[in-house]
Amino acid sequence: AKSLITHPATTTHQRMEESERELLGITGSTVRISCGLESVGDLVADIDRALARV
């Protein structure tokens, strides 16, 4: 199983009104991380590389 990072406001919850999402704690800066079977070190390194590009 692979790890996945998503942005709920523009994917799984995009059809909801912003006010509804906020009631659920989902804001424009919320990200969801679903960890797979990779090592923790690999996940941290991947996230570090991604954030360095932002």
Foldseek 3Di string as FASTA:
>chain_A
DAKDKDQCCVPVCVVDDQVVCVVVVRHRPDMDIDHDDDDPVVVVVVVVVVVVVD
